[in-house]
Amino acid sequence: KGKDVIELIHNKLYAQKFKAFDLGVQYVPHIT
């Protein structure tokens, strides 16, 4: 539950300042 909001935040962050650090790995919200 909440994956959609976590993914939204992740995508917003990578769309701005962190785009250069995108490793091209599929993002799956979780706790390691």
PDB file of all heavy atoms in Angstrom:
ATOM      1  N   LYS A   1       0.870  -1.186   0.000  1.00  0.00           N
ATOM      2  CA  LYS A   1       0.000   0.000   0.000  1.00  0.00           C
ATOM      3  C   LYS A   1       0.900   1.227   0.000  1.00  0.00           C
ATOM      4  O   LYS A   1       1.896   1.271   0.720  1.00  0.00           O
ATOM      5  CB  LYS A   1      -0.892   0.009   1.251  1.00  0.00           C
ATOM      6  CG  LYS A   1      -1.828   1.180   1.356  1.00  0.00           C
ATOM      7  CD  LYS A   1      -2.667   1.057   2.623  1.00  0.00           C
ATOM      8  CE  LYS A   1      -3.616   2.219   2.770  1.00  0.00           C
ATOM      9  NZ  LYS A   1      -4.378   2.109   4.029  1.00  0.00           N
ATOM     10  N   GLY A   2       0.552   2.212  -0.820  1.00  0.00           N
ATOM     11  CA  GLY A   2       1.333   3.446  -0.886  1.00  0.00           C
ATOM     12  C   GLY A   2       2.380   3.457  -1.974  1.00  0.00           C
ATOM     13  O   GLY A   2       3.084   4.453  -2.153  1.00  0.00           O
ATOM     14  N   LYS A   3       2.492   2.354  -2.731  1.00  0.00           N
ATOM     15  CA  LYS A   3       3.500   2.277  -3.788  1.00  0.00           C
ATOM     16  C   LYS A   3       3.361   3.403  -4.804  1.00  0.00           C
ATOM     17  O   LYS A   3       4.361   3.945  -5.265  1.00  0.00           O
ATOM     18  CB  LYS A   3       3.391   0.938  -4.530  1.00  0.00           C
ATOM     19  CG  LYS A   3       3.918  -0.232  -3.777  1.00  0.00           C
ATOM     20  CD  LYS A   3       3.576  -1.546  -4.461  1.00  0.00           C
ATOM     21  CE  LYS A   3       4.339  -1.709  -5.745  1.00  0.00           C
ATOM     22  NZ  LYS A   3       4.258  -3.086  -6.272  1.00  0.00           N
ATOM     23  N   ASP A   4       2.125   3.754  -5.135  1.00  0.00           N
ATOM     24  CA  ASP A   4       1.902   4.772  -6.155  1.00  0.00           C
ATOM     25  C   ASP A   4       2.481   6.127  -5.740  1.00  0.00           C
ATOM     26  O   ASP A   4       3.090   6.819  -6.555  1.00  0.00           O
ATOM     27  CB  ASP A   4       0.414   4.887  -6.492  1.00  0.00           C
ATOM     28  CG  ASP A   4      -0.469   5.134  -5.269  1.00  0.00           C
ATOM     29  OD1 ASP A   4      -0.056   4.810  -4.134  1.00  0.00           O
ATOM     30  OD2 ASP A   4      -1.585   5.652  -5.457  1.00  0.00           O
ATOM     31  N   VAL A   5       2.346   6.481  -4.481  1.00  0.00           N
ATOM     32  CA  VAL A   5       2.879   7.769  -4.017  1.00  0.00           C
ATOM     33  C   VAL A   5       4.406   7.715  -3.952  1.00  0.00           C
ATOM     34  O   VAL A   5       5.084   8.662  -4.370  1.00  0.00           O
ATOM     35  CB  VAL A   5       2.286   8.171  -2.647  1.00  0.00           C
ATOM     36  CG1 VAL A   5       2.832   9.525  -2.199  1.00  0.00           C
ATOM     37  CG2 VAL A   5       0.773   8.193  -2.697  1.00  0.00           C
ATOM     38  N   ILE A   6       4.943   6.613  -3.461  1.00  0.00           N
ATOM     39  CA  ILE A   6       6.405   6.451  -3.406  1.00  0.00           C
ATOM     40  C   ILE A   6       6.988   6.532  -4.816  1.00  0.00           C
ATOM     41  O   ILE A   6       7.994   7.204  -5.055  1.00  0.00           O
ATOM     42  CB  ILE A   6       6.790   5.127  -2.718  1.00  0.00           C
ATOM     43  CG1 ILE A   6       6.355   5.116  -1.254  1.00  0.00           C
ATOM     44  CG2 ILE A   6       8.286   4.845  -2.869  1.00  0.00           C
ATOM     45  CD1 ILE A   6       7.107   6.063  -0.354  1.00  0.00           C
ATOM     46  N   GLU A   7       6.378   5.848  -5.768  1.00  0.00           N
ATOM     47  CA  GLU A   7       6.858   5.882  -7.150  1.00  0.00           C
ATOM     48  C   GLU A   7       6.759   7.294  -7.735  1.00  0.00           C
ATOM     49  O   GLU A   7       7.655   7.733  -8.457  1.00  0.00           O
ATOM     50  CB  GLU A   7       6.076   4.892  -8.011  1.00  0.00           C
ATOM     51  CG  GLU A   7       6.434   3.456  -7.705  1.00  0.00           C
ATOM     52  CD  GLU A   7       5.507   2.437  -8.364  1.00  0.00           C
ATOM     53  OE1 GLU A   7       4.413   2.826  -8.864  1.00  0.00           O
ATOM     54  OE2 GLU A   7       5.866   1.259  -8.373  1.00  0.00           O
ATOM     55  N   LEU A   8       5.687   8.011  -7.418  1.00  0.00           N
ATOM     56  CA  LEU A   8       5.531   9.390  -7.875  1.00  0.00           C
ATOM     57  C   LEU A   8       6.677  10.268  -7.362  1.00  0.00           C
ATOM     58  O   LEU A   8       7.294  11.016  -8.128  1.00  0.00           O
ATOM     59  CB  LEU A   8       4.186   9.958  -7.416  1.00  0.00           C
ATOM     60  CG  LEU A   8       3.960  11.448  -7.680  1.00  0.00           C
ATOM     61  CD1 LEU A   8       3.839  11.729  -9.173  1.00  0.00           C
ATOM     62  CD2 LEU A   8       2.727  11.939  -6.939  1.00  0.00           C
ATOM     63  N   ILE A   9       6.977  10.153  -6.072  1.00  0.00           N
ATOM     64  CA  ILE A   9       8.077  10.943  -5.487  1.00  0.00           C
ATOM     65  C   ILE A   9       9.395  10.572  -6.159  1.00  0.00           C
ATOM     66  O   ILE A   9      10.175  11.443  -6.554  1.00  0.00           O
ATOM     67  CB  ILE A   9       8.148  10.743  -3.961  1.00  0.00           C
ATOM     68  CG1 ILE A   9       6.881  11.284  -3.289  1.00  0.00           C
ATOM     69  CG2 ILE A   9       9.407  11.411  -3.396  1.00  0.00           C
ATOM     70  CD1 ILE A   9       6.736  10.898  -1.829  1.00  0.00           C
ATOM     71  N   HIS A  10       9.666   9.294  -6.290  1.00  0.00           N
ATOM     72  CA  HIS A  10      10.890   8.809  -6.949  1.00  0.00           C
ATOM     73  C   HIS A  10      11.011   9.417  -8.356  1.00  0.00           C
ATOM     74  O   HIS A  10      12.053   9.962  -8.717  1.00  0.00           O
ATOM     75  CB  HIS A  10      10.858   7.277  -7.020  1.00  0.00           C
ATOM     76  CG  HIS A  10      11.886   6.684  -7.925  1.00  0.00           C
ATOM     77  ND1 HIS A  10      13.172   6.421  -7.516  1.00  0.00           N
ATOM     78  CD2 HIS A  10      11.810   6.287  -9.221  1.00  0.00           C
ATOM     79  CE1 HIS A  10      13.849   5.904  -8.527  1.00  0.00           C
ATOM     80  NE2 HIS A  10      13.044   5.811  -9.567  1.00  0.00           N
ATOM     81  N   ASN A  11       9.937   9.325  -9.126  1.00  0.00           N
ATOM     82  CA  ASN A  11       9.964   9.829 -10.505  1.00  0.00           C
ATOM     83  C   ASN A  11      10.155  11.340 -10.555  1.00  0.00           C
ATOM     84  O   ASN A  11      10.877  11.848 -11.416  1.00  0.00           O
ATOM     85  CB  ASN A  11       8.690   9.418 -11.241  1.00  0.00           C
ATOM     86  CG  ASN A  11       8.627   7.915 -11.470  1.00  0.00           C
ATOM     87  OD1 ASN A  11       9.644   7.225 -11.466  1.00  0.00           O
ATOM     88  ND2 ASN A  11       7.423   7.408 -11.648  1.00  0.00           N
ATOM     89  N   LYS A  12       9.531  12.061  -9.638  1.00  0.00           N
ATOM     90  CA  LYS A  12       9.696  13.520  -9.604  1.00  0.00           C
ATOM     91  C   LYS A  12      11.140  13.898  -9.282  1.00  0.00           C
ATOM     92  O   LYS A  12      11.693  14.822  -9.878  1.00  0.00           O
ATOM     93  CB  LYS A  12       8.743  14.141  -8.579  1.00  0.00           C
ATOM     94  CG  LYS A  12       7.292  14.137  -9.014  1.00  0.00           C
ATOM     95  CD  LYS A  12       6.394  14.686  -7.928  1.00  0.00           C
ATOM     96  CE  LYS A  12       6.166  16.150  -8.157  1.00  0.00           C
ATOM     97  NZ  LYS A  12       5.153  16.731  -7.259  1.00  0.00           N
ATOM     98  N   LEU A  13      11.734  13.197  -8.348  1.00  0.00           N
ATOM     99  CA  LEU A  13      13.119  13.492  -7.975  1.00  0.00           C
ATOM    100  C   LEU A  13      14.077  13.212  -9.136  1.00  0.00           C
ATOM    101  O   LEU A  13      14.965  14.007  -9.428  1.00  0.00           O
ATOM    102  CB  LEU A  13      13.521  12.712  -6.733  1.00  0.00           C
ATOM    103  CG  LEU A  13      12.855  13.159  -5.431  1.00  0.00           C
ATOM    104  CD1 LEU A  13      13.088  12.157  -4.322  1.00  0.00           C
ATOM    105  CD2 LEU A  13      13.351  14.550  -5.021  1.00  0.00           C
ATOM    106  N   TYR A  14      13.883  12.086  -9.816  1.00  0.00           N
ATOM    107  CA  TYR A  14      14.762  11.751 -10.936  1.00  0.00           C
ATOM    108  C   TYR A  14      14.503  12.637 -12.154  1.00  0.00           C
ATOM    109  O   TYR A  14      15.397  12.821 -12.976  1.00  0.00           O
ATOM    110  CB  TYR A  14      14.644  10.276 -11.308  1.00  0.00           C
ATOM    111  CG  TYR A  14      15.601   9.409 -10.524  1.00  0.00           C
ATOM    112  CD1 TYR A  14      15.144   8.568  -9.534  1.00  0.00           C
ATOM    113  CD2 TYR A  14      16.970   9.456 -10.767  1.00  0.00           C
ATOM    114  CE1 TYR A  14      16.025   7.778  -8.806  1.00  0.00           C
ATOM    115  CE2 TYR A  14      17.855   8.676 -10.041  1.00  0.00           C
ATOM    116  CZ  TYR A  14      17.380   7.840  -9.067  1.00  0.00           C
ATOM    117  OH  TYR A  14      18.249   7.067  -8.348  1.00  0.00           O
ATOM    118  N   ALA A  15      13.304  13.184 -12.277  1.00  0.00           N
ATOM    119  CA  ALA A  15      13.008  14.059 -13.412  1.00  0.00           C
ATOM    120  C   ALA A  15      13.697  15.401 -13.264  1.00  0.00           C
ATOM    121  O   ALA A  15      13.871  16.120 -14.250  1.00  0.00           O
ATOM    122  CB  ALA A  15      11.493  14.252 -13.543  1.00  0.00           C
ATOM    123  N   GLN A  16      14.093  15.748 -12.051  1.00  0.00           N
ATOM    124  CA  GLN A  16      14.727  17.046 -11.825  1.00  0.00           C
ATOM    125  C   GLN A  16      16.232  16.881 -11.605  1.00  0.00           C
ATOM    126  O   GLN A  16      16.939  16.407 -12.477  1.00  0.00           O
ATOM    127  CB  GLN A  16      14.059  17.740 -10.640  1.00  0.00           C
ATOM    128  CG  GLN A  16      12.654  18.183 -10.990  1.00  0.00           C
ATOM    129  CD  GLN A  16      12.100  19.156  -9.972  1.00  0.00           C
ATOM    130  OE1 GLN A  16      12.824  19.766  -9.193  1.00  0.00           O
ATOM    131  NE2 GLN A  16      10.791  19.309  -9.977  1.00  0.00           N
ATOM    132  N   LYS A  17      16.701  17.184 -10.449  1.00  0.00           N
ATOM    133  CA  LYS A  17      18.123  17.276 -10.146  1.00  0.00           C
ATOM    134  C   LYS A  17      18.894  15.961 -10.279  1.00  0.00           C
ATOM    135  O   LYS A  17      20.086  15.955 -10.527  1.00  0.00           O
ATOM    136  CB  LYS A  17      18.271  17.824  -8.718  1.00  0.00           C
ATOM    137  CG  LYS A  17      19.662  18.232  -8.348  1.00  0.00           C
ATOM    138  CD  LYS A  17      20.036  19.534  -9.009  1.00  0.00           C
ATOM    139  CE  LYS A  17      21.351  20.042  -8.513  1.00  0.00           C
ATOM    140  NZ  LYS A  17      21.776  21.240  -9.198  1.00  0.00           N
ATOM    141  N   PHE A  18      18.208  14.831 -10.136  1.00  0.00           N
ATOM    142  CA  PHE A  18      18.919  13.551 -10.054  1.00  0.00           C
ATOM    143  C   PHE A  18      18.895  12.742 -11.343  1.00  0.00           C
ATOM    144  O   PHE A  18      19.317  11.593 -11.365  1.00  0.00           O
ATOM    145  CB  PHE A  18      18.350  12.722  -8.903  1.00  0.00           C
ATOM    146  CG  PHE A  18      18.370  13.470  -7.607  1.00  0.00           C
ATOM    147  CD1 PHE A  18      17.197  13.911  -7.028  1.00  0.00           C
ATOM    148  CD2 PHE A  18      19.570  13.767  -6.976  1.00  0.00           C
ATOM    149  CE1 PHE A  18      17.214  14.623  -5.846  1.00  0.00           C
ATOM    150  CE2 PHE A  18      19.604  14.485  -5.799  1.00  0.00           C
ATOM    151  CZ  PHE A  18      18.422  14.916  -5.230  1.00  0.00           C
ATOM    152  N   LYS A  19      18.450  13.337 -12.430  1.00  0.00           N
ATOM    153  CA  LYS A  19      18.357  12.613 -13.704  1.00  0.00           C
ATOM    154  C   LYS A  19      19.705  12.012 -14.111  1.00  0.00           C
ATOM    155  O   LYS A  19      19.763  10.889 -14.625  1.00  0.00           O
ATOM    156  CB  LYS A  19      17.844  13.552 -14.789  1.00  0.00           C
ATOM    157  CG  LYS A  19      17.503  12.851 -16.066  1.00  0.00           C
ATOM    158  CD  LYS A  19      16.819  13.788 -17.039  1.00  0.00           C
ATOM    159  CE  LYS A  19      16.297  12.979 -18.202  1.00  0.00           C
ATOM    160  NZ  LYS A  19      15.276  13.666 -18.939  1.00  0.00           N
ATOM    161  N   ALA A  20      20.778  12.720 -13.887  1.00  0.00           N
ATOM    162  CA  ALA A  20      22.112  12.234 -14.272  1.00  0.00           C
ATOM    163  C   ALA A  20      22.529  10.987 -13.483  1.00  0.00           C
ATOM    164  O   ALA A  20      23.434  10.267 -13.901  1.00  0.00           O
ATOM    165  CB  ALA A  20      23.146  13.340 -14.060  1.00  0.00           C
ATOM    166  N   PHE A  21      21.862  10.721 -12.355  1.00  0.00           N
ATOM    167  CA  PHE A  21      22.229   9.588 -11.511  1.00  0.00           C
ATOM    168  C   PHE A  21      21.313   8.378 -11.713  1.00  0.00           C
ATOM    169  O   PHE A  21      21.424   7.389 -10.997  1.00  0.00           O
ATOM    170  CB  PHE A  21      22.206  10.001 -10.037  1.00  0.00           C
ATOM    171  CG  PHE A  21      23.090  11.188  -9.761  1.00  0.00           C
ATOM    172  CD1 PHE A  21      22.534  12.415  -9.442  1.00  0.00           C
ATOM    173  CD2 PHE A  21      24.463  11.093  -9.845  1.00  0.00           C
ATOM    174  CE1 PHE A  21      23.331  13.518  -9.200  1.00  0.00           C
ATOM    175  CE2 PHE A  21      25.276  12.188  -9.604  1.00  0.00           C
ATOM    176  CZ  PHE A  21      24.708  13.408  -9.292  1.00  0.00           C
ATOM    177  N   ASP A  22      20.408   8.468 -12.687  1.00  0.00           N
ATOM    178  CA  ASP A  22      19.487   7.370 -12.962  1.00  0.00           C
ATOM    179  C   ASP A  22      20.287   6.190 -13.520  1.00  0.00           C
ATOM    180  O   ASP A  22      20.927   6.301 -14.566  1.00  0.00           O
ATOM    181  CB  ASP A  22      18.415   7.817 -13.955  1.00  0.00           C
ATOM    182  CG  ASP A  22      17.317   6.789 -14.129  1.00  0.00           C
ATOM    183  OD1 ASP A  22      17.492   5.624 -13.713  1.00  0.00           O
ATOM    184  OD2 ASP A  22      16.272   7.160 -14.693  1.00  0.00           O
ATOM    185  N   LEU A  23      20.239   5.068 -12.823  1.00  0.00           N
ATOM    186  CA  LEU A  23      20.994   3.886 -13.218  1.00  0.00           C
ATOM    187  C   LEU A  23      20.225   2.996 -14.190  1.00  0.00           C
ATOM    188  O   LEU A  23      20.725   1.959 -14.606  1.00  0.00           O
ATOM    189  CB  LEU A  23      21.371   3.069 -11.971  1.00  0.00           C
ATOM    190  CG  LEU A  23      22.178   3.816 -10.916  1.00  0.00           C
ATOM    191  CD1 LEU A  23      22.364   2.966  -9.671  1.00  0.00           C
ATOM    192  CD2 LEU A  23      23.519   4.241 -11.487  1.00  0.00           C
ATOM    193  N   GLY A  24      19.002   3.396 -14.516  1.00  0.00           N
ATOM    194  CA  GLY A  24      18.204   2.599 -15.436  1.00  0.00           C
ATOM    195  C   GLY A  24      17.647   1.329 -14.826  1.00  0.00           C
ATOM    196  O   GLY A  24      17.218   0.434 -15.537  1.00  0.00           O
ATOM    197  N   VAL A  25      17.636   1.252 -13.510  1.00  0.00           N
ATOM    198  CA  VAL A  25      17.118   0.085 -12.798  1.00  0.00           C
ATOM    199  C   VAL A  25      15.632   0.299 -12.545  1.00  0.00           C
ATOM    200  O   VAL A  25      15.223   1.395 -12.136  1.00  0.00           O
ATOM    201  CB  VAL A  25      17.858  -0.100 -11.447  1.00  0.00           C
ATOM    202  CG1 VAL A  25      17.279  -1.250 -10.653  1.00  0.00           C
ATOM    203  CG2 VAL A  25      19.346  -0.298 -11.686  1.00  0.00           C
ATOM    204  N   GLN A  26      14.812  -0.735 -12.793  1.00  0.00           N
ATOM    205  CA  GLN A  26      13.383  -0.605 -12.510  1.00  0.00           C
ATOM    206  C   GLN A  26      13.199  -0.367 -11.015  1.00  0.00           C
ATOM    207  O   GLN A  26      13.734  -1.101 -10.188  1.00  0.00           O
ATOM    208  CB  GLN A  26      12.625  -1.859 -12.921  1.00  0.00           C
ATOM    209  CG  GLN A  26      11.142  -1.750 -12.630  1.00  0.00           C
ATOM    210  CD  GLN A  26      10.379  -3.013 -12.987  1.00  0.00           C
ATOM    211  OE1 GLN A  26      10.927  -3.951 -13.545  1.00  0.00           O
ATOM    212  NE2 GLN A  26       9.110  -3.030 -12.651  1.00  0.00           N
ATOM    213  N   TYR A  27      12.440   0.664 -10.679  1.00  0.00           N
ATOM    214  CA  TYR A  27      12.233   1.028  -9.285  1.00  0.00           C
ATOM    215  C   TYR A  27      11.043   0.276  -8.704  1.00  0.00           C
ATOM    216  O   TYR A  27       9.947   0.320  -9.262  1.00  0.00           O
ATOM    217  CB  TYR A  27      12.014   2.543  -9.157  1.00  0.00           C
ATOM    218  CG  TYR A  27      11.805   2.988  -7.744  1.00  0.00           C
ATOM    219  CD1 TYR A  27      12.857   2.968  -6.834  1.00  0.00           C
ATOM    220  CD2 TYR A  27      10.562   3.410  -7.301  1.00  0.00           C
ATOM    221  CE1 TYR A  27      12.673   3.373  -5.522  1.00  0.00           C
ATOM    222  CE2 TYR A  27      10.367   3.817  -5.988  1.00  0.00           C
ATOM    223  CZ  TYR A  27      11.434   3.795  -5.107  1.00  0.00           C
ATOM    224  OH  TYR A  27      11.255   4.176  -3.809  1.00  0.00           O
ATOM    225  N   VAL A  28      11.280  -0.405  -7.590  1.00  0.00           N
ATOM    226  CA  VAL A  28      10.233  -1.130  -6.873  1.00  0.00           C
ATOM    227  C   VAL A  28      10.316  -0.718  -5.405  1.00  0.00           C
ATOM    228  O   VAL A  28      11.298  -1.042  -4.725  1.00  0.00           O
ATOM    229  CB  VAL A  28      10.427  -2.660  -6.992  1.00  0.00           C
ATOM    230  CG1 VAL A  28       9.359  -3.399  -6.213  1.00  0.00           C
ATOM    231  CG2 VAL A  28      10.438  -3.096  -8.455  1.00  0.00           C
ATOM    232  N   PRO A  29       9.323   0.023  -4.903  1.00  0.00           N
ATOM    233  CA  PRO A  29       9.355   0.439  -3.499  1.00  0.00           C
ATOM    234  C   PRO A  29       9.370  -0.767  -2.559  1.00  0.00           C
ATOM    235  O   PRO A  29       8.609  -1.718  -2.743  1.00  0.00           O
ATOM    236  CB  PRO A  29       8.052   1.233  -3.336  1.00  0.00           C
ATOM    237  CG  PRO A  29       7.702   1.681  -4.716  1.00  0.00           C
ATOM    238  CD  PRO A  29       8.163   0.566  -5.611  1.00  0.00           C
ATOM    239  N   HIS A  30      10.255  -0.714  -1.544  1.00  0.00           N
ATOM    240  CA  HIS A  30      10.441  -1.832  -0.613  1.00  0.00           C
ATOM    241  C   HIS A  30      11.321  -1.359   0.533  1.00  0.00           C
ATOM    242  O   HIS A  30      11.870  -0.260   0.486  1.00  0.00           O
ATOM    243  CB  HIS A  30      11.134  -3.002  -1.319  1.00  0.00           C
ATOM    244  CG  HIS A  30      12.531  -2.641  -1.738  1.00  0.00           C
ATOM    245  ND1 HIS A  30      12.799  -1.962  -2.905  1.00  0.00           N
ATOM    246  CD2 HIS A  30      13.728  -2.786  -1.117  1.00  0.00           C
ATOM    247  CE1 HIS A  30      14.104  -1.740  -2.992  1.00  0.00           C
ATOM    248  NE2 HIS A  30      14.691  -2.221  -1.908  1.00  0.00           N
ATOM    249  N   ILE A  31      11.478  -2.213   1.521  1.00  0.00           N
ATOM    250  CA  ILE A  31      12.512  -2.037   2.540  1.00  0.00           C
ATOM    251  C   ILE A  31      13.461  -3.216   2.398  1.00  0.00           C
ATOM    252  O   ILE A  31      13.034  -4.374   2.408  1.00  0.00           O
ATOM    253  CB  ILE A  31      11.920  -1.978   3.965  1.00  0.00           C
ATOM    254  CG1 ILE A  31      11.105  -0.695   4.145  1.00  0.00           C
ATOM    255  CG2 ILE A  31      13.036  -2.069   5.016  1.00  0.00           C
ATOM    256  CD1 ILE A  31      10.481  -0.525   5.522  1.00  0.00           C
ATOM    257  N   THR A  32      14.727  -2.928   2.240  1.00  0.00           N
ATOM    258  CA  THR A  32      15.716  -3.995   2.143  1.00  0.00           C
ATOM    259  C   THR A  32      15.951  -4.567   3.527  1.00  0.00           C
ATOM    260  O   THR A  32      16.243  -3.828   4.464  1.00  0.00           O
ATOM    261  CB  THR A  32      17.044  -3.472   1.562  1.00  0.00           C
ATOM    262  OG1 THR A  32      16.791  -2.917   0.269  1.00  0.00           O
ATOM    263  CG2 THR A  32      18.086  -4.581   1.460  1.00  0.00           C
TER     264      THR A  32
END
